[in-house]
Amino acid sequence: MDGYRAIVVGATGAVGSALVRELLASPHCEEVTALTRRKVEIFAGLPGHGKLRQRVIDMNDLERETAEAARGYATAFCTMGVGQPRKMAKDEVRKVDVDCPAAWSF
């Protein structure tokens, strides 16, 4: 398998952070770009952390932000979702679990 670059939206949740850790550890993945709402330090010190690029994006303009960020990538992952939906209003759950991923342009 040739090396690849991966982009991940939803990189800080339970599923997304596990995915990012796997990508960082993979010898086949040359670079991981995590699209986040704010800069995070949860991946600091992990094996392969030097391959990580963080890009803080405006979640209210997700379609434009992801289209711009994904240029040049052939591998993309969307792991956005609400971890505990019972703690949020139904319309907020729908926005995070349905509307935002649907707006993701790649």
C-alpha atoms as a PDB file:
ATOM      1  CA  MET A   1       0.000   0.000   0.000  1.00  0.00           C
ATOM      2  CA  ASP A   2       1.325   3.425  -0.915  1.00  0.00           C
ATOM      3  CA  GLY A   3       1.444   6.125   1.728  1.00  0.00           C
ATOM      4  CA  TYR A   4      -1.610   8.305   2.111  1.00  0.00           C
ATOM      5  CA  ARG A   5      -2.748  11.468   3.873  1.00  0.00           C
ATOM      6  CA  ALA A   6      -5.965  11.353   5.887  1.00  0.00           C
ATOM      7  CA  ILE A   7      -8.330  14.069   7.030  1.00  0.00           C
ATOM      8  CA  VAL A   8     -10.683  13.535   9.981  1.00  0.00           C
ATOM      9  CA  VAL A   9     -13.647  15.603  11.103  1.00  0.00           C
ATOM     10  CA  GLY A  10     -14.886  14.612  14.540  1.00  0.00           C
ATOM     11  CA  ALA A  11     -11.354  13.761  15.643  1.00  0.00           C
ATOM     12  CA  THR A  12     -11.815  14.547  19.344  1.00  0.00           C
ATOM     13  CA  GLY A  13     -14.753  12.279  20.167  1.00  0.00           C
ATOM     14  CA  ALA A  14     -14.460   8.678  21.335  1.00  0.00           C
ATOM     15  CA  VAL A  15     -14.524   7.132  17.858  1.00  0.00           C
ATOM     16  CA  GLY A  16     -12.612   9.932  16.153  1.00  0.00           C
ATOM     17  CA  SER A  17      -9.791  10.040  18.677  1.00  0.00           C
ATOM     18  CA  ALA A  18      -9.373   6.246  18.461  1.00  0.00           C
ATOM     19  CA  LEU A  19      -9.201   6.562  14.666  1.00  0.00           C
ATOM     20  CA  VAL A  20      -6.631   9.367  14.844  1.00  0.00           C
ATOM     21  CA  ARG A  21      -4.459   7.297  17.215  1.00  0.00           C
ATOM     22  CA  GLU A  22      -4.563   4.386  14.748  1.00  0.00           C
ATOM     23  CA  LEU A  23      -3.737   6.629  11.796  1.00  0.00           C
ATOM     24  CA  LEU A  24      -0.827   8.223  13.657  1.00  0.00           C
ATOM     25  CA  ALA A  25       0.564   4.801  14.519  1.00  0.00           C
ATOM     26  CA  SER A  26       0.168   3.462  10.975  1.00  0.00           C
ATOM     27  CA  PRO A  27       3.348   3.368   8.907  1.00  0.00           C
ATOM     28  CA  HIS A  28       1.181   3.747   5.777  1.00  0.00           C
ATOM     29  CA  CYS A  29      -0.377   7.042   6.845  1.00  0.00           C
ATOM     30  CA  GLU A  30       2.009   9.917   6.137  1.00  0.00           C
ATOM     31  CA  GLU A  31      -0.071  12.774   7.560  1.00  0.00           C
ATOM     32  CA  VAL A  32      -3.278  13.210   9.552  1.00  0.00           C
ATOM     33  CA  THR A  33      -5.219  16.459   9.521  1.00  0.00           C
ATOM     34  CA  ALA A  34      -7.783  16.794  12.281  1.00  0.00           C
ATOM     35  CA  LEU A  35     -10.527  19.354  11.726  1.00  0.00           C
ATOM     36  CA  THR A  36     -11.549  20.643  15.147  1.00  0.00           C
ATOM     37  CA  ARG A  37     -13.532  23.433  16.769  1.00  0.00           C
ATOM     38  CA  ARG A  38     -10.538  24.409  18.888  1.00  0.00           C
ATOM     39  CA  LYS A  39      -6.895  23.380  19.248  1.00  0.00           C
ATOM     40  CA  VAL A  40      -6.517  20.273  21.402  1.00  0.00           C
ATOM     41  CA  GLU A  41      -3.582  18.560  23.081  1.00  0.00           C
ATOM     42  CA  ILE A  42      -5.053  15.045  23.455  1.00  0.00           C
ATOM     43  CA  PHE A  43      -2.704  13.581  20.843  1.00  0.00           C
ATOM     44  CA  ALA A  44       0.522  15.145  22.166  1.00  0.00           C
ATOM     45  CA  GLY A  45       3.184  12.582  22.913  1.00  0.00           C
ATOM     46  CA  LEU A  46       1.498   9.719  21.084  1.00  0.00           C
ATOM     47  CA  PRO A  47       3.499   7.593  18.654  1.00  0.00           C
ATOM     48  CA  GLY A  48       3.432   9.381  15.311  1.00  0.00           C
ATOM     49  CA  HIS A  49       2.171  12.683  16.762  1.00  0.00           C
ATOM     50  CA  GLY A  50       4.580  14.526  14.466  1.00  0.00           C
ATOM     51  CA  LYS A  51       2.324  13.532  11.532  1.00  0.00           C
ATOM     52  CA  LEU A  52      -0.656  15.371  13.036  1.00  0.00           C
ATOM     53  CA  ARG A  53      -1.882  18.689  11.698  1.00  0.00           C
ATOM     54  CA  GLN A  54      -4.757  20.423  13.408  1.00  0.00           C
ATOM     55  CA  ARG A  55      -6.988  22.818  11.580  1.00  0.00           C
ATOM     56  CA  VAL A  56      -9.493  24.797  13.610  1.00  0.00           C
ATOM     57  CA  ILE A  57     -12.657  25.308  11.584  1.00  0.00           C
ATOM     58  CA  ASP A  58     -15.942  27.163  11.899  1.00  0.00           C
ATOM     59  CA  MET A  59     -18.544  24.446  12.406  1.00  0.00           C
ATOM     60  CA  ASN A  60     -21.252  26.855  11.241  1.00  0.00           C
ATOM     61  CA  ASP A  61     -19.618  26.925   7.807  1.00  0.00           C
ATOM     62  CA  LEU A  62     -18.763  23.231   7.633  1.00  0.00           C
ATOM     63  CA  GLU A  63     -19.381  22.746   3.922  1.00  0.00           C
ATOM     64  CA  ARG A  64     -16.948  25.469   2.851  1.00  0.00           C
ATOM     65  CA  GLU A  65     -14.406  24.657   5.573  1.00  0.00           C
ATOM     66  CA  THR A  66     -14.230  20.946   4.778  1.00  0.00           C
ATOM     67  CA  ALA A  67     -14.126  21.477   1.017  1.00  0.00           C
ATOM     68  CA  GLU A  68     -11.189  23.835   1.436  1.00  0.00           C
ATOM     69  CA  ALA A  69      -9.367  21.661   3.970  1.00  0.00           C
ATOM     70  CA  ALA A  70      -9.800  18.432   1.993  1.00  0.00           C
ATOM     71  CA  ARG A  71      -8.091  19.627  -1.187  1.00  0.00           C
ATOM     72  CA  GLY A  72      -5.349  17.177  -2.071  1.00  0.00           C
ATOM     73  CA  TYR A  73      -6.595  14.375   0.195  1.00  0.00           C
ATOM     74  CA  ALA A  74      -7.773  11.013  -1.090  1.00  0.00           C
ATOM     75  CA  THR A  75      -8.721   9.592   2.316  1.00  0.00           C
ATOM     76  CA  ALA A  76     -11.331  11.201   4.545  1.00  0.00           C
ATOM     77  CA  PHE A  77     -13.236  10.182   7.662  1.00  0.00           C
ATOM     78  CA  CYS A  78     -16.271  11.728   9.309  1.00  0.00           C
ATOM     79  CA  THR A  79     -16.766  10.533  12.875  1.00  0.00           C
ATOM     80  CA  MET A  80     -18.981  13.367  14.050  1.00  0.00           C
ATOM     81  CA  GLY A  81     -21.731  12.406  16.410  1.00  0.00           C
ATOM     82  CA  VAL A  82     -23.266  12.956  19.794  1.00  0.00           C
ATOM     83  CA  GLY A  83     -21.843  10.619  22.390  1.00  0.00           C
ATOM     84  CA  GLN A  84     -24.753  10.872  24.828  1.00  0.00           C
ATOM     85  CA  PRO A  85     -27.855  12.070  22.960  1.00  0.00           C
ATOM     86  CA  ARG A  86     -30.128  11.925  26.003  1.00  0.00           C
ATOM     87  CA  LYS A  87     -28.194  14.883  27.439  1.00  0.00           C
ATOM     88  CA  MET A  88     -29.014  17.134  24.478  1.00  0.00           C
ATOM     89  CA  ALA A  89     -32.113  18.597  22.876  1.00  0.00           C
ATOM     90  CA  LYS A  90     -33.420  16.584  19.926  1.00  0.00           C
ATOM     91  CA  ASP A  91     -32.738  19.399  17.431  1.00  0.00           C
ATOM     92  CA  GLU A  92     -29.112  19.647  18.598  1.00  0.00           C
ATOM     93  CA  VAL A  93     -28.633  15.886  18.244  1.00  0.00           C
ATOM     94  CA  ARG A  94     -29.999  16.052  14.697  1.00  0.00           C
ATOM     95  CA  LYS A  95     -27.698  18.962  13.846  1.00  0.00           C
ATOM     96  CA  VAL A  96     -24.559  17.111  15.021  1.00  0.00           C
ATOM     97  CA  ASP A  97     -25.489  13.581  13.901  1.00  0.00           C
ATOM     98  CA  VAL A  98     -27.243  14.351  10.599  1.00  0.00           C
ATOM     99  CA  ASP A  99     -26.965  17.925   9.366  1.00  0.00           C
ATOM    100  CA  CYS A 100     -23.246  18.508   9.977  1.00  0.00           C
ATOM    101  CA  PRO A 101     -22.033  15.251   8.413  1.00  0.00           C
ATOM    102  CA  ALA A 102     -24.349  15.840   5.458  1.00  0.00           C
ATOM    103  CA  ALA A 103     -22.748  19.257   4.921  1.00  0.00           C
ATOM    104  CA  TRP A 104     -19.266  17.791   4.827  1.00  0.00           C
ATOM    105  CA  SER A 105     -17.842  18.310   1.338  1.00  0.00           C
ATOM    106  CA  PHE A 106     -15.063  16.122   0.148  1.00  0.00           C
END
